[in-house]
Every structure is written in structure tokens, then in C-alpha cells.
Amino acid sequence: MRLQTSTVKTAKPLWAGNTNMLLKAVRNIKKANTSLN
């Protein structure tokens, strides 16, 4: 049980960081597409 709770606590911030990185990447791709067009 302790291992599970600790992994969940560490997984949540990792998920938040990954989603933020994905959003930034999508924004950069959209900017690149608009600049190319």
C-alpha cells in the first residue's frame, strides 16, 4: 500500500508536466504551421 500511494503521488506531477509539455509542443507546431502558410 505504501508503494502504491508513493507512486501515485509521484505520478501526478509527472502527468501534469507531460501534459504541459504536450500543450507547449502543440502550440509551437501551430505557430510553425501559420508561419509556413
PDB file of N, CA and C in Angstrom:
ATOM      1  N   MET A   1       0.841  -1.203   0.000  1.00  0.00           N
ATOM      2  CA  MET A   1       0.000   0.000   0.000  1.00  0.00           C
ATOM      3  C   MET A   1       0.878   1.255   0.000  1.00  0.00           C
ATOM      4  N   ARG A   2       1.928   1.248   0.777  1.00  0.00           N
ATOM      5  CA  ARG A   2       2.789   2.429   0.826  1.00  0.00           C
ATOM      6  C   ARG A   2       3.417   2.691  -0.536  1.00  0.00           C
ATOM      7  N   LEU A   3       3.853   1.613  -1.195  1.00  0.00           N
ATOM      8  CA  LEU A   3       4.467   1.781  -2.512  1.00  0.00           C
ATOM      9  C   LEU A   3       3.466   2.376  -3.496  1.00  0.00           C
ATOM     10  N   GLN A   4       2.233   1.885  -3.454  1.00  0.00           N
ATOM     11  CA  GLN A   4       1.215   2.375  -4.384  1.00  0.00           C
ATOM     12  C   GLN A   4       0.953   3.862  -4.176  1.00  0.00           C
ATOM     13  N   THR A   5       0.789   4.276  -2.929  1.00  0.00           N
ATOM     14  CA  THR A   5       0.484   5.680  -2.666  1.00  0.00           C
ATOM     15  C   THR A   5       1.656   6.565  -3.088  1.00  0.00           C
ATOM     16  N   SER A   6       2.877   6.106  -2.841  1.00  0.00           N
ATOM     17  CA  SER A   6       4.042   6.913  -3.212  1.00  0.00           C
ATOM     18  C   SER A   6       4.141   7.041  -4.729  1.00  0.00           C
ATOM     19  N   THR A   7       3.860   5.958  -5.451  1.00  0.00           N
ATOM     20  CA  THR A   7       3.934   6.024  -6.909  1.00  0.00           C
ATOM     21  C   THR A   7       2.853   6.952  -7.450  1.00  0.00           C
ATOM     22  N   VAL A   8       1.681   6.921  -6.844  1.00  0.00           N
ATOM     23  CA  VAL A   8       0.601   7.816  -7.288  1.00  0.00           C
ATOM     24  C   VAL A   8       1.006   9.262  -7.052  1.00  0.00           C
ATOM     25  N   LYS A   9       1.585   9.558  -5.907  1.00  0.00           N
ATOM     26  CA  LYS A   9       1.997  10.932  -5.598  1.00  0.00           C
ATOM     27  C   LYS A   9       3.040  11.414  -6.598  1.00  0.00           C
ATOM     28  N   THR A  10       3.961  10.544  -6.994  1.00  0.00           N
ATOM     29  CA  THR A  10       4.989  10.952  -7.948  1.00  0.00           C
ATOM     30  C   THR A  10       4.442  10.967  -9.367  1.00  0.00           C
ATOM     31  N   ALA A  11       3.447  10.138  -9.640  1.00  0.00           N
ATOM     32  CA  ALA A  11       2.903  10.059 -11.000  1.00  0.00           C
ATOM     33  C   ALA A  11       2.082  11.299 -11.339  1.00  0.00           C
ATOM     34  N   LYS A  12       1.368  11.854 -10.391  1.00  0.00           N
ATOM     35  CA  LYS A  12       0.517  13.015 -10.670  1.00  0.00           C
ATOM     36  C   LYS A  12       1.328  14.199 -11.187  1.00  0.00           C
ATOM     37  N   PRO A  13       2.382  14.643 -10.508  1.00  0.00           N
ATOM     38  CA  PRO A  13       3.174  15.763 -11.041  1.00  0.00           C
ATOM     39  C   PRO A  13       3.806  15.425 -12.383  1.00  0.00           C
ATOM     40  N   LEU A  14       4.208  14.171 -12.578  1.00  0.00           N
ATOM     41  CA  LEU A  14       4.772  13.776 -13.873  1.00  0.00           C
ATOM     42  C   LEU A  14       3.727  13.939 -14.964  1.00  0.00           C
ATOM     43  N   TRP A  15       2.511  13.524 -14.679  1.00  0.00           N
ATOM     44  CA  TRP A  15       1.419  13.663 -15.653  1.00  0.00           C
ATOM     45  C   TRP A  15       1.189  15.128 -15.978  1.00  0.00           C
ATOM     46  N   ALA A  16       1.160  15.970 -14.949  1.00  0.00           N
ATOM     47  CA  ALA A  16       0.937  17.400 -15.167  1.00  0.00           C
ATOM     48  C   ALA A  16       2.055  17.978 -16.028  1.00  0.00           C
ATOM     49  N   GLY A  17       3.299  17.588 -15.742  1.00  0.00           N
ATOM     50  CA  GLY A  17       4.422  18.078 -16.532  1.00  0.00           C
ATOM     51  C   GLY A  17       4.327  17.614 -17.973  1.00  0.00           C
ATOM     52  N   ASN A  18       3.945  16.348 -18.177  1.00  0.00           N
ATOM     53  CA  ASN A  18       3.845  15.825 -19.542  1.00  0.00           C
ATOM     54  C   ASN A  18       2.753  16.537 -20.324  1.00  0.00           C
ATOM     55  N   THR A  19       1.612  16.785 -19.696  1.00  0.00           N
ATOM     56  CA  THR A  19       0.516  17.463 -20.394  1.00  0.00           C
ATOM     57  C   THR A  19       0.921  18.887 -20.744  1.00  0.00           C
ATOM     58  N   ASN A  20       1.630  19.557 -19.829  1.00  0.00           N
ATOM     59  CA  ASN A  20       2.088  20.917 -20.120  1.00  0.00           C
ATOM     60  C   ASN A  20       3.051  20.907 -21.296  1.00  0.00           C
ATOM     61  N   MET A  21       3.970  19.932 -21.319  1.00  0.00           N
ATOM     62  CA  MET A  21       4.922  19.830 -22.428  1.00  0.00           C
ATOM     63  C   MET A  21       4.177  19.573 -23.734  1.00  0.00           C
ATOM     64  N   LEU A  22       3.172  18.708 -23.701  1.00  0.00           N
ATOM     65  CA  LEU A  22       2.403  18.410 -24.916  1.00  0.00           C
ATOM     66  C   LEU A  22       1.676  19.658 -25.400  1.00  0.00           C
ATOM     67  N   LEU A  23       1.079  20.407 -24.484  1.00  0.00           N
ATOM     68  CA  LEU A  23       0.366  21.630 -24.876  1.00  0.00           C
ATOM     69  C   LEU A  23       1.340  22.621 -25.503  1.00  0.00           C
ATOM     70  N   LYS A  24       2.515  22.785 -24.916  1.00  0.00           N
ATOM     71  CA  LYS A  24       3.516  23.702 -25.471  1.00  0.00           C
ATOM     72  C   LYS A  24       3.941  23.238 -26.854  1.00  0.00           C
ATOM     73  N   ALA A  25       4.142  21.938 -27.020  1.00  0.00           N
ATOM     74  CA  ALA A  25       4.550  21.404 -28.325  1.00  0.00           C
ATOM     75  C   ALA A  25       3.470  21.668 -29.364  1.00  0.00           C
ATOM     76  N   VAL A  26       2.212  21.461 -28.999  1.00  0.00           N
ATOM     77  CA  VAL A  26       1.109  21.708 -29.942  1.00  0.00           C
ATOM     78  C   VAL A  26       1.079  23.172 -30.336  1.00  0.00           C
ATOM     79  N   ARG A  27       1.271  24.063 -29.370  1.00  0.00           N
ATOM     80  CA  ARG A  27       1.267  25.498 -29.664  1.00  0.00           C
ATOM     81  C   ARG A  27       2.408  25.836 -30.605  1.00  0.00           C
ATOM     82  N   ASN A  28       3.588  25.282 -30.358  1.00  0.00           N
ATOM     83  CA  ASN A  28       4.738  25.545 -31.224  1.00  0.00           C
ATOM     84  C   ASN A  28       4.474  25.039 -32.631  1.00  0.00           C
ATOM     85  N   ILE A  29       3.863  23.875 -32.752  1.00  0.00           N
ATOM     86  CA  ILE A  29       3.554  23.309 -34.077  1.00  0.00           C
ATOM     87  C   ILE A  29       2.561  24.212 -34.798  1.00  0.00           C
ATOM     88  N   LYS A  30       1.548  24.685 -34.081  1.00  0.00           N
ATOM     89  CA  LYS A  30       0.563  25.577 -34.699  1.00  0.00           C
ATOM     90  C   LYS A  30       1.244  26.856 -35.168  1.00  0.00           C
ATOM     91  N   LYS A  31       2.141  27.416 -34.363  1.00  0.00           N
ATOM     92  CA  LYS A  31       2.868  28.627 -34.752  1.00  0.00           C
ATOM     93  C   LYS A  31       3.698  28.359 -35.997  1.00  0.00           C
ATOM     94  N   ALA A  32       4.359  27.218 -36.053  1.00  0.00           N
ATOM     95  CA  ALA A  32       5.188  26.870 -37.211  1.00  0.00           C
ATOM     96  C   ALA A  32       4.317  26.743 -38.455  1.00  0.00           C
ATOM     97  N   ASN A  33       3.156  26.120 -38.327  1.00  0.00           N
ATOM     98  CA  ASN A  33       2.259  25.953 -39.470  1.00  0.00           C
ATOM     99  C   ASN A  33       1.783  27.309 -39.979  1.00  0.00           C
ATOM    100  N   THR A  34       1.428  28.212 -39.086  1.00  0.00           N
ATOM    101  CA  THR A  34       0.941  29.523 -39.505  1.00  0.00           C
ATOM    102  C   THR A  34       2.067  30.314 -40.164  1.00  0.00           C
ATOM    103  N   SER A  35       3.276  30.203 -39.653  1.00  0.00           N
ATOM    104  CA  SER A  35       4.403  30.934 -40.243  1.00  0.00           C
ATOM    105  C   SER A  35       4.736  30.380 -41.626  1.00  0.00           C
ATOM    106  N   LEU A  36       4.596  29.061 -41.804  1.00  0.00           N
ATOM    107  CA  LEU A  36       4.867  28.457 -43.114  1.00  0.00           C
ATOM    108  C   LEU A  36       3.822  28.897 -44.130  1.00  0.00           C
ATOM    109  N   ASN A  37       2.565  28.962 -43.704  1.00  0.00           N
ATOM    110  CA  ASN A  37       1.499  29.358 -44.623  1.00  0.00           C
ATOM    111  C   ASN A  37       1.577  30.861 -44.862  1.00  0.00           C
TER     112      ASN A  37
END
